[in-house]
Amino acid sequence: MSDDTIRLATIGRILRRRGRLLAVLAVVGALVGYGASLLFPPRYTTSASVLLPGAWEERELRTQTQIATSSVVVDRVAATLDWTGVSGGELRDRVSAEDTDGNIIKISGTADTPERAQQLSDEVAQQFVTFAARIAGDDPGAVEGPEALRQQVEQTNRRITELADAADPGRTVESVQARTELEKLRASLEKAMEKLDEADPATDRAAMVVMGPAARPSGEAPPTRMQLILAGALLAFLLGVIGHLAAARASRRLRTGPEIAAALGSPLLGTVDVPGEQPAPGPEGRGPRAWTRRLLGVDTRWDVPAPRMSGDEASRRIRYRRVCDRLREQLPASRRLLVAVPDGDESARRAAGQLVAEAGSDPSPASSSRGYPALRVVEVSVDRPVVPDRGTESGVLVVLSAGHWTAGELAGLAEACADGRHEVVGIVVVGTVRARPSQPAGPPPDDAAVALAVRGHATGGSV
């Protein structure tokens, strides 16, 4: 699993075998999302639109959006609304503005009630229009200066006309020069007024207009309580799936026969199958903790492939007989061997019992030197492995399931065998299969039950 690509089949296996655990995690995540919604009060958002008539460039519109949310405008809004405990700095975090198509600036306000959200958006829009008009010179105070200047120019023109009429036309050189100078002055004043009219911003752009009051919001602004609950459930579910994948990636359990043989330093004699069964809970599996594990479905492995369909009982016994044949070929004479099974490996223990039965039912040994070895099963704790000292047995056959043990655990088992002066003569890997419904292949020999019943203790010493 640690070197495999994550496939949809892997995700499906997680959902099938850890569905109850993932459902519990999703419920816990939903409760966390609900708790988060209680910590954050609901928010309501609404918007008011301001129309900017005339021709505006994009950069000018961006400037106006910055003005709409500036501290000057927001501070005036805070002073006008005069909400208790709400300052201009807090309102700046609740106000936003954006320019849209058609020279329209959309001003949004967020508050804890729909009424306040509506008031905030309307007041920001109004204060923005007032402040922008003052900057552009469109307010009454700014218009008084140019209008007064126009009135002074008109009075001056009338005075020039009176002076020109009062001068004696064409009688003296001085009168002609005076009339010429007065006409030049009149022309200069007219040009100055034309330039003043061209420079007046009110001639090409009309004043900004608030396009009606903001609508009162009917629902909460995201994230709503339901969104937080759903987000918490989804996040917990995804974290559960990712956690399973990460744990499988980090797993160091050996899954192939060559890897297991390299860890134990002994040849692989073969692979045998046992039908999959639901193990009965032992004394250690009857407490509340074990009941909870069974309820959540975490008492079984999810990262092992689904058992394949096997043949009948006869085809499975052929695999055991072939292992016994390889043992007979490898050992020069008939010997007694210990069959070491890791403690807790139920499939390996059942396979070891079947192997003992096959070894005890040698059909036609040619001689005492060519019969199957005599086997005796011992269970060895992987955490603190201890193998009985060498007595009548002169070797160890290790039987274990694939995908359950790490290289370090198997190396400790090999060291325990060497410490008991045993040689690991071979390894048998056990796989779990689904048995086909068929007729029984016949009762096992009578001595099979006797051989399986004689079991050593992994506490050291000869037995």
Protein backbone atom coordinates (compact mmCIF):
# COMPACT_ATOMS: atom_id res chain seq x y z
CA MET A 1 0.00 0.00 0.00
CA SER A 2 2.83 2.39 0.79
CA ASP A 3 4.09 2.23 -2.80
CA ASP A 4 0.73 1.88 -4.57
CA THR A 5 -1.07 4.65 -6.37
CA ILE A 6 -4.25 5.77 -4.64
CA ARG A 7 -7.11 4.44 -6.76
CA LEU A 8 -10.86 4.78 -6.63
CA ALA A 9 -11.00 1.16 -5.48
CA THR A 10 -8.98 2.15 -2.41
CA ILE A 11 -11.41 4.97 -1.62
CA GLY A 12 -14.32 2.61 -2.11
CA ARG A 13 -12.76 0.08 0.25
CA ILE A 14 -12.39 2.78 2.90
CA LEU A 15 -16.04 3.78 2.49
CA ARG A 16 -17.21 0.17 2.74
CA ARG A 17 -15.10 -0.95 5.67
CA ARG A 18 -14.94 2.32 7.60
CA GLY A 19 -18.37 3.72 6.74
CA ARG A 20 -19.62 3.78 10.32
CA LEU A 21 -16.46 5.47 11.58
CA LEU A 22 -16.63 8.10 8.82
CA ALA A 23 -20.31 8.70 9.62
CA VAL A 24 -19.46 9.28 13.28
CA LEU A 25 -16.67 11.67 12.27
CA ALA A 26 -19.10 13.57 10.03
CA VAL A 27 -21.56 13.93 12.90
CA VAL A 28 -18.79 15.19 15.19
CA GLY A 29 -17.73 17.69 12.51
CA ALA A 30 -21.32 18.88 12.15
CA LEU A 31 -21.51 19.46 15.90
CA VAL A 32 -18.28 21.42 15.77
CA GLY A 33 -19.71 23.54 12.94
CA TYR A 34 -22.85 24.15 14.97
CA GLY A 35 -20.73 25.25 17.94
CA ALA A 36 -18.78 27.62 15.69
CA SER A 37 -22.05 29.16 14.48
CA LEU A 38 -22.94 29.96 18.09
CA LEU A 39 -19.64 31.78 18.59
CA PHE A 40 -20.13 33.97 15.50
CA PRO A 41 -23.40 35.97 15.51
CA PRO A 42 -25.42 36.10 12.27
CA ARG A 43 -24.58 38.83 9.78
CA TYR A 44 -26.80 40.54 7.23
CA THR A 45 -25.58 42.30 4.09
CA THR A 46 -27.31 44.64 1.65
CA SER A 47 -26.18 47.07 -1.04
CA ALA A 48 -26.97 50.57 -2.32
CA SER A 49 -26.06 51.72 -5.84
CA VAL A 50 -24.65 55.12 -6.81
CA LEU A 51 -24.79 56.27 -10.44
CA LEU A 52 -21.91 58.34 -11.85
CA PRO A 53 -23.26 60.17 -14.95
CA GLY A 54 -20.96 61.14 -17.75
CA ALA A 55 -17.81 59.58 -19.15
CA TRP A 56 -15.54 57.95 -16.58
CA GLU A 57 -12.32 56.05 -17.09
CA GLU A 58 -11.68 52.78 -15.31
CA ARG A 59 -9.01 54.21 -13.05
CA GLU A 60 -11.34 57.05 -12.08
CA LEU A 61 -14.02 54.55 -11.09
CA ARG A 62 -11.49 52.68 -8.95
CA THR A 63 -10.61 55.95 -7.27
CA GLN A 64 -14.25 56.59 -6.47
CA THR A 65 -14.60 53.13 -4.89
CA GLN A 66 -11.62 53.93 -2.66
CA ILE A 67 -13.23 57.22 -1.67
CA ALA A 68 -16.50 55.43 -0.81
CA THR A 69 -14.73 53.28 1.82
CA SER A 70 -12.24 55.90 2.99
CA SER A 71 -11.91 56.79 6.64
CA VAL A 72 -13.36 60.28 6.04
CA VAL A 73 -16.62 58.90 4.67
CA VAL A 74 -16.90 56.04 7.19
CA ASP A 75 -16.14 58.31 10.16
CA ARG A 76 -18.93 60.65 9.06
CA VAL A 77 -21.26 57.65 8.78
CA ALA A 78 -20.33 56.51 12.29
CA ALA A 79 -20.97 60.00 13.65
CA THR A 80 -24.36 60.19 11.92
CA LEU A 81 -25.59 56.72 12.94
CA ASP A 82 -24.13 57.00 16.45
CA TRP A 83 -24.43 53.28 17.23
CA THR A 84 -23.44 52.34 20.75
CA GLY A 85 -20.07 50.63 20.91
CA VAL A 86 -19.45 50.87 17.15
CA SER A 87 -16.62 53.13 15.99
CA GLY A 88 -15.50 54.18 12.56
CA GLY A 89 -12.71 51.60 12.59
CA GLU A 90 -15.22 48.79 13.13
CA LEU A 91 -17.49 50.11 10.40
CA ARG A 92 -14.61 50.12 7.90
CA ASP A 93 -14.47 46.33 8.22
CA ARG A 94 -18.19 46.11 7.47
CA VAL A 95 -18.28 48.38 4.40
CA SER A 96 -17.12 47.51 0.89
CA ALA A 97 -17.51 49.08 -2.55
CA GLU A 98 -17.03 47.86 -6.10
CA ASP A 99 -17.51 49.39 -9.52
CA THR A 100 -19.85 47.60 -11.92
CA ASP A 101 -20.85 48.07 -15.54
CA GLY A 102 -22.64 51.27 -16.47
CA ASN A 103 -20.69 53.63 -14.18
CA ILE A 104 -22.41 52.28 -11.08
CA ILE A 105 -20.67 51.89 -7.73
CA LYS A 106 -22.19 49.22 -5.51
CA ILE A 107 -21.76 49.99 -1.80
CA SER A 108 -22.37 47.06 0.59
CA GLY A 109 -22.84 47.21 4.35
CA THR A 110 -22.89 44.35 6.87
CA ALA A 111 -24.51 44.50 10.32
CA ASP A 112 -25.97 42.22 12.95
CA THR A 113 -29.61 43.02 12.01
CA PRO A 114 -31.32 43.61 8.66
CA GLU A 115 -32.42 47.12 9.74
CA ARG A 116 -28.90 48.19 10.63
CA ALA A 117 -27.48 46.74 7.43
CA GLN A 118 -29.97 48.79 5.43
CA GLN A 119 -29.21 51.97 7.40
CA LEU A 120 -25.48 51.48 7.03
CA SER A 121 -25.59 51.01 3.25
CA ASP A 122 -27.88 54.01 2.71
CA GLU A 123 -25.84 56.30 4.94
CA VAL A 124 -22.52 55.34 3.35
CA ALA A 125 -23.96 56.00 -0.11
CA GLN A 126 -25.29 59.41 0.95
CA GLN A 127 -22.09 60.47 2.66
CA PHE A 128 -20.06 59.30 -0.34
CA VAL A 129 -22.12 61.39 -2.76
CA THR A 130 -21.84 64.45 -0.51
CA PHE A 131 -18.10 64.08 -0.05
CA ALA A 132 -17.44 63.41 -3.75
CA ALA A 133 -19.49 66.48 -4.72
CA ARG A 134 -17.50 68.65 -2.34
CA ILE A 135 -14.24 67.38 -3.82
CA ALA A 136 -15.48 68.09 -7.39
CA GLY A 137 -16.72 71.57 -6.45
CA ASP A 138 -20.39 70.80 -7.09
CA ASP A 139 -21.67 71.86 -3.68
CA PRO A 140 -23.32 75.31 -3.21
CA GLY A 141 -20.37 76.76 -1.34
CA ALA A 142 -18.05 75.95 -4.19
CA VAL A 143 -20.39 77.41 -6.83
CA GLU A 144 -20.68 80.82 -5.17
CA GLY A 145 -17.17 81.90 -6.23
CA PRO A 146 -17.51 81.39 -10.05
CA GLU A 147 -21.05 82.82 -10.07
CA ALA A 148 -19.96 85.99 -8.28
CA LEU A 149 -17.11 86.35 -10.74
CA ARG A 150 -19.53 86.17 -13.67
CA GLN A 151 -21.65 88.92 -12.15
CA GLN A 152 -18.59 91.13 -11.71
CA VAL A 153 -17.65 90.55 -15.37
CA GLU A 154 -21.13 91.57 -16.53
CA GLN A 155 -20.96 94.75 -14.47
CA THR A 156 -17.55 95.50 -15.93
CA ASN A 157 -18.86 95.05 -19.47
CA ARG A 158 -21.69 97.51 -18.80
CA ARG A 159 -19.21 100.02 -17.37
CA ILE A 160 -17.00 99.65 -20.42
CA THR A 161 -19.98 100.37 -22.68
CA GLU A 162 -20.80 103.50 -20.67
CA LEU A 163 -17.21 104.74 -20.86
CA ALA A 164 -17.06 104.11 -24.60
CA ASP A 165 -20.28 106.05 -25.16
CA ALA A 166 -19.09 108.91 -22.97
CA ALA A 167 -15.85 109.32 -24.95
CA ASP A 168 -15.99 111.82 -27.88
CA PRO A 169 -15.89 109.38 -30.83
CA GLY A 170 -13.47 110.38 -33.58
CA ARG A 171 -12.71 113.91 -32.44
CA THR A 172 -9.37 113.40 -30.76
CA VAL A 173 -6.61 110.82 -30.91
CA GLU A 174 -6.93 110.19 -27.19
CA SER A 175 -10.61 109.30 -27.47
CA VAL A 176 -9.91 106.81 -30.26
CA GLN A 177 -7.16 105.16 -28.22
CA ALA A 178 -9.43 104.98 -25.17
CA ARG A 179 -12.21 103.29 -27.13
CA THR A 180 -9.70 100.82 -28.60
CA GLU A 181 -8.36 99.90 -25.17
CA LEU A 182 -11.86 99.43 -23.81
CA GLU A 183 -12.78 97.05 -26.64
CA LYS A 184 -9.60 95.03 -26.03
CA LEU A 185 -10.51 94.78 -22.35
CA ARG A 186 -14.01 93.61 -23.28
CA ALA A 187 -12.59 90.90 -25.58
CA SER A 188 -10.17 89.70 -22.88
CA LEU A 189 -12.97 89.39 -20.32
CA GLU A 190 -15.11 87.39 -22.78
CA LYS A 191 -12.25 84.94 -23.46
CA ALA A 192 -11.61 84.54 -19.72
CA MET A 193 -15.27 83.70 -19.11
CA GLU A 194 -15.24 81.15 -21.94
CA LYS A 195 -12.24 79.41 -20.41
CA LEU A 196 -13.92 79.49 -17.00
CA ASP A 197 -17.03 77.81 -18.44
CA GLU A 198 -14.90 75.13 -20.12
CA ALA A 199 -13.06 74.39 -16.86
CA ASP A 200 -16.29 74.05 -14.83
CA PRO A 201 -16.75 70.30 -14.07
CA ALA A 202 -20.51 70.75 -13.89
CA THR A 203 -20.59 71.40 -17.68
CA ASP A 204 -19.55 67.82 -18.66
CA ARG A 205 -20.48 65.68 -15.64
CA ALA A 206 -23.67 65.78 -13.70
CA ALA A 207 -23.81 65.16 -9.97
CA MET A 208 -23.76 61.61 -8.59
CA VAL A 209 -27.13 60.07 -7.80
CA VAL A 210 -28.09 57.46 -5.21
CA MET A 211 -30.29 54.96 -7.06
CA GLY A 212 -32.87 54.42 -4.36
CA PRO A 213 -32.61 52.99 -0.84
CA ALA A 214 -30.94 49.68 -0.12
CA ALA A 215 -33.16 46.61 0.07
CA ARG A 216 -33.68 45.11 3.49
CA PRO A 217 -31.89 41.69 3.56
CA SER A 218 -34.12 38.66 4.04
CA GLY A 219 -31.39 36.12 4.88
CA GLU A 220 -28.08 35.85 6.67
CA ALA A 221 -24.83 36.60 4.94
CA PRO A 222 -22.54 33.59 4.39
CA PRO A 223 -21.32 31.64 6.20
CA THR A 224 -24.71 30.79 7.62
CA ARG A 225 -25.30 28.30 10.42
CA MET A 226 -26.29 25.56 7.96
CA GLN A 227 -23.21 26.23 5.86
CA LEU A 228 -20.97 25.93 8.92
CA ILE A 229 -22.63 22.66 9.92
CA LEU A 230 -22.27 21.19 6.43
CA ALA A 231 -18.70 22.44 6.13
CA GLY A 232 -17.78 20.88 9.48
CA ALA A 233 -19.30 17.53 8.49
CA LEU A 234 -17.62 17.51 5.09
CA LEU A 235 -14.26 18.56 6.50
CA ALA A 236 -14.34 15.86 9.17
CA PHE A 237 -15.31 13.25 6.58
CA LEU A 238 -12.48 14.25 4.25
CA LEU A 239 -9.99 14.34 7.11
CA GLY A 240 -11.07 10.81 8.05
CA VAL A 241 -10.48 9.54 4.50
CA ILE A 242 -7.17 11.37 4.21
CA GLY A 243 -6.11 10.04 7.61
CA HIS A 244 -6.76 6.47 6.48
CA LEU A 245 -4.78 7.04 3.28
CA ALA A 246 -1.90 8.67 5.16
CA ALA A 247 -1.78 5.83 7.69
CA ALA A 248 -1.71 3.29 4.87
CA ARG A 249 1.06 5.21 3.12
CA ALA A 250 3.11 5.33 6.30
CA SER A 251 2.52 1.64 7.05
CA ARG A 252 5.64 -0.53 7.09
CA ARG A 253 3.84 -3.87 7.13
CA LEU A 254 5.27 -6.37 4.67
CA ARG A 255 2.77 -7.58 2.10
CA THR A 256 4.67 -9.90 -0.25
CA GLY A 257 6.37 -13.23 0.25
CA PRO A 258 9.83 -12.10 -0.90
CA GLU A 259 9.78 -9.15 1.53
CA ILE A 260 8.82 -11.42 4.42
CA ALA A 261 11.50 -13.97 3.44
CA ALA A 262 14.16 -11.25 3.30
CA ALA A 263 13.16 -9.97 6.76
CA LEU A 264 13.40 -13.46 8.32
CA GLY A 265 16.43 -14.53 6.27
CA SER A 266 14.89 -17.82 5.20
CA PRO A 267 13.45 -19.27 1.98
CA LEU A 268 9.76 -19.01 1.13
CA LEU A 269 8.30 -22.53 0.93
CA GLY A 270 4.91 -21.52 -0.39
CA THR A 271 1.61 -19.73 0.08
CA VAL A 272 -1.47 -21.40 1.51
CA ASP A 273 -5.09 -20.29 1.83
CA VAL A 274 -7.58 -20.42 4.66
CA PRO A 275 -11.27 -19.59 4.38
CA GLY A 276 -12.13 -16.26 5.94
CA GLU A 277 -14.09 -16.45 9.20
CA GLN A 278 -15.26 -13.90 11.73
CA PRO A 279 -13.17 -14.59 14.84
CA ALA A 280 -15.06 -15.02 18.05
CA PRO A 281 -14.27 -12.28 20.61
CA GLY A 282 -11.94 -13.47 23.34
CA PRO A 283 -11.88 -12.34 26.96
CA GLU A 284 -9.94 -9.21 25.99
CA GLY A 285 -12.58 -8.28 23.41
CA ARG A 286 -15.62 -8.04 25.65
CA GLY A 287 -15.15 -4.68 27.36
CA PRO A 288 -16.67 -1.32 26.45
CA ARG A 289 -13.60 -0.38 24.43
CA ALA A 290 -13.77 -3.57 22.36
CA TRP A 291 -17.53 -3.09 21.91
CA THR A 292 -16.93 0.44 20.64
CA ARG A 293 -14.29 -0.78 18.20
CA ARG A 294 -16.66 -3.41 16.82
CA LEU A 295 -19.47 -0.84 16.57
CA LEU A 296 -17.28 1.55 14.57
CA GLY A 297 -15.85 -1.27 12.48
CA VAL A 298 -12.21 -0.54 13.38
CA ASP A 299 -11.55 -4.03 14.73
CA THR A 300 -10.92 -5.32 11.20
CA ARG A 301 -8.31 -4.27 8.70
CA TRP A 302 -9.45 -2.12 5.80
CA ASP A 303 -6.17 -1.85 3.86
CA VAL A 304 -6.04 -5.51 2.82
CA PRO A 305 -7.71 -6.50 -0.46
CA ALA A 306 -11.01 -8.30 -0.36
CA PRO A 307 -10.58 -12.08 -0.14
CA ARG A 308 -10.60 -13.83 -3.49
CA MET A 309 -12.82 -16.76 -4.27
CA SER A 310 -10.88 -20.00 -3.76
CA GLY A 311 -11.32 -23.50 -5.03
CA ASP A 312 -12.72 -26.37 -3.07
CA GLU A 313 -11.25 -28.01 0.00
CA ALA A 314 -9.24 -30.48 -2.09
CA SER A 315 -7.48 -27.71 -4.05
CA ARG A 316 -6.58 -25.92 -0.83
CA ARG A 317 -5.14 -29.14 0.68
CA ILE A 318 -2.92 -29.52 -2.39
CA ARG A 319 -1.09 -26.30 -1.39
CA TYR A 320 -0.45 -27.64 2.12
CA ARG A 321 0.78 -30.97 0.73
CA ARG A 322 3.19 -29.14 -1.60
CA VAL A 323 4.65 -27.25 1.39
CA CYS A 324 5.18 -30.55 3.19
CA ASP A 325 6.83 -31.98 0.06
CA ARG A 326 9.24 -29.04 -0.09
CA LEU A 327 10.07 -29.54 3.59
CA ARG A 328 10.81 -33.19 2.95
CA GLU A 329 13.01 -32.34 -0.01
CA GLN A 330 14.87 -29.62 1.89
CA LEU A 331 15.60 -31.65 5.05
CA PRO A 332 18.01 -34.57 4.64
CA ALA A 333 16.24 -36.69 7.22
CA SER A 334 12.97 -36.79 9.05
CA ARG A 335 13.12 -34.15 11.79
CA ARG A 336 10.93 -32.53 14.36
CA LEU A 337 10.13 -28.86 13.73
CA LEU A 338 8.43 -26.09 15.64
CA VAL A 339 5.75 -24.18 13.73
CA ALA A 340 6.02 -20.60 15.04
CA VAL A 341 2.84 -18.55 14.66
CA PRO A 342 2.70 -14.84 15.70
CA ASP A 343 0.35 -14.34 18.59
CA GLY A 344 -2.94 -12.85 17.43
CA ASP A 345 -2.64 -14.07 13.82
CA GLU A 346 -5.77 -16.21 13.72
CA SER A 347 -5.45 -17.07 10.02
CA ALA A 348 -1.86 -18.24 10.50
CA ARG A 349 -2.88 -20.36 13.49
CA ARG A 350 -5.57 -22.11 11.50
CA ALA A 351 -3.18 -22.64 8.59
CA ALA A 352 -0.57 -24.08 10.97
CA GLY A 353 -3.15 -26.56 12.31
CA GLN A 354 -3.99 -27.65 8.78
CA LEU A 355 -0.30 -27.98 7.99
CA VAL A 356 0.23 -30.18 11.03
CA ALA A 357 -2.68 -32.34 9.91
CA GLU A 358 -1.23 -32.77 6.43
CA ALA A 359 2.23 -33.58 7.79
CA GLY A 360 0.74 -36.21 10.08
CA SER A 361 -1.14 -37.87 7.22
CA ASP A 362 1.86 -38.80 5.07
CA PRO A 363 0.28 -41.21 2.60
CA SER A 364 3.22 -43.48 1.74
CA PRO A 365 6.57 -42.63 3.29
CA ALA A 366 9.21 -44.69 1.53
CA SER A 367 11.35 -44.87 4.63
CA SER A 368 11.81 -43.21 7.95
CA SER A 369 14.29 -40.85 6.35
CA ARG A 370 11.90 -39.70 3.65
CA GLY A 371 8.72 -38.99 5.64
CA TYR A 372 7.21 -35.61 6.40
CA PRO A 373 8.74 -33.76 9.38
CA ALA A 374 6.85 -33.94 12.66
CA LEU A 375 5.40 -30.48 13.41
CA ARG A 376 4.36 -28.83 16.67
CA VAL A 377 2.66 -25.42 16.87
CA VAL A 378 3.79 -22.68 19.24
CA GLU A 379 2.44 -19.14 19.41
CA VAL A 380 5.08 -16.44 19.82
CA SER A 381 4.39 -12.91 21.06
CA VAL A 382 5.67 -10.40 18.54
CA ASP A 383 6.14 -7.65 21.13
CA ARG A 384 8.44 -9.82 23.32
CA PRO A 385 9.27 -12.85 21.17
CA VAL A 386 10.50 -15.94 23.03
CA VAL A 387 10.89 -19.33 21.34
CA PRO A 388 11.28 -22.58 23.36
CA ASP A 389 14.87 -23.81 23.66
CA ARG A 390 16.08 -26.48 21.34
CA GLY A 391 15.08 -29.92 22.54
CA THR A 392 13.70 -32.63 20.35
CA GLU A 393 12.94 -30.05 17.64
CA SER A 394 15.83 -28.90 15.48
CA GLY A 395 14.32 -26.09 13.45
CA VAL A 396 11.49 -23.60 13.11
CA LEU A 397 8.93 -23.20 10.36
CA VAL A 398 7.36 -19.72 10.49
CA VAL A 399 3.73 -19.45 9.40
CA LEU A 400 2.24 -15.95 9.22
CA SER A 401 -0.23 -13.80 7.32
CA ALA A 402 0.87 -11.16 4.84
CA GLY A 403 0.28 -7.50 5.56
CA HIS A 404 0.20 -7.80 9.35
CA TRP A 405 3.81 -7.50 10.50
CA THR A 406 6.67 -5.08 9.96
CA ALA A 407 10.26 -5.93 9.10
CA GLY A 408 11.38 -5.01 12.61
CA GLU A 409 8.85 -7.36 14.21
CA LEU A 410 9.89 -10.22 11.97
CA ALA A 411 13.56 -9.52 12.63
CA GLY A 412 12.82 -9.80 16.37
CA LEU A 413 11.13 -13.15 15.73
CA ALA A 414 14.19 -14.38 13.83
CA GLU A 415 16.46 -13.27 16.68
CA ALA A 416 14.27 -15.13 19.18
CA CYS A 417 14.65 -18.30 17.07
CA ALA A 418 18.42 -17.88 16.97
CA ASP A 419 18.47 -17.25 20.73
CA GLY A 420 16.68 -20.59 21.25
CA ARG A 421 19.31 -22.28 19.00
CA HIS A 422 16.80 -22.90 16.24
CA GLU A 423 17.32 -22.49 12.54
CA VAL A 424 14.48 -20.98 10.52
CA VAL A 425 14.13 -23.60 7.82
CA GLY A 426 11.35 -21.94 5.88
CA ILE A 427 8.42 -19.54 5.74
CA VAL A 428 4.81 -20.15 4.80
CA VAL A 429 2.64 -17.12 3.94
CA VAL A 430 -1.09 -17.39 4.61
CA GLY A 431 -3.79 -15.69 2.54
CA THR A 432 -7.49 -15.39 3.35
CA VAL A 433 -9.97 -16.52 0.69
CA ARG A 434 -13.70 -16.98 0.35
CA ALA A 435 -14.60 -20.63 0.33
CA ARG A 436 -16.92 -21.96 -2.35
CA PRO A 437 -19.97 -23.82 -1.11
CA SER A 438 -19.19 -27.44 -1.92
CA GLN A 439 -19.28 -30.92 -0.56
CA PRO A 440 -16.78 -31.62 2.21
CA ALA A 441 -13.58 -33.29 1.05
CA GLY A 442 -13.78 -35.92 3.76
CA PRO A 443 -12.92 -35.96 7.45
CA PRO A 444 -9.33 -35.23 8.39
CA PRO A 445 -7.16 -38.02 9.80
CA ASP A 446 -7.62 -38.93 13.44
CA ASP A 447 -4.14 -37.82 14.40
CA ALA A 448 -4.70 -34.27 13.06
CA ALA A 449 -6.67 -33.19 16.11
CA VAL A 450 -4.07 -34.76 18.37
CA ALA A 451 -1.22 -32.96 16.64
CA LEU A 452 -3.02 -29.59 16.85
CA ALA A 453 -3.96 -30.10 20.47
CA VAL A 454 -0.32 -30.52 21.52
CA ARG A 455 0.82 -26.88 21.62
CA GLY A 456 3.95 -25.45 23.20
CA HIS A 457 4.18 -22.34 25.33
CA ALA A 458 6.23 -19.33 24.22
CA THR A 459 7.68 -18.78 27.66
CA GLY A 460 11.09 -20.35 27.11
CA GLY A 461 12.47 -23.75 27.96
CA SER A 462 11.87 -27.19 26.47
CA VAL A 463 8.50 -28.78 26.46
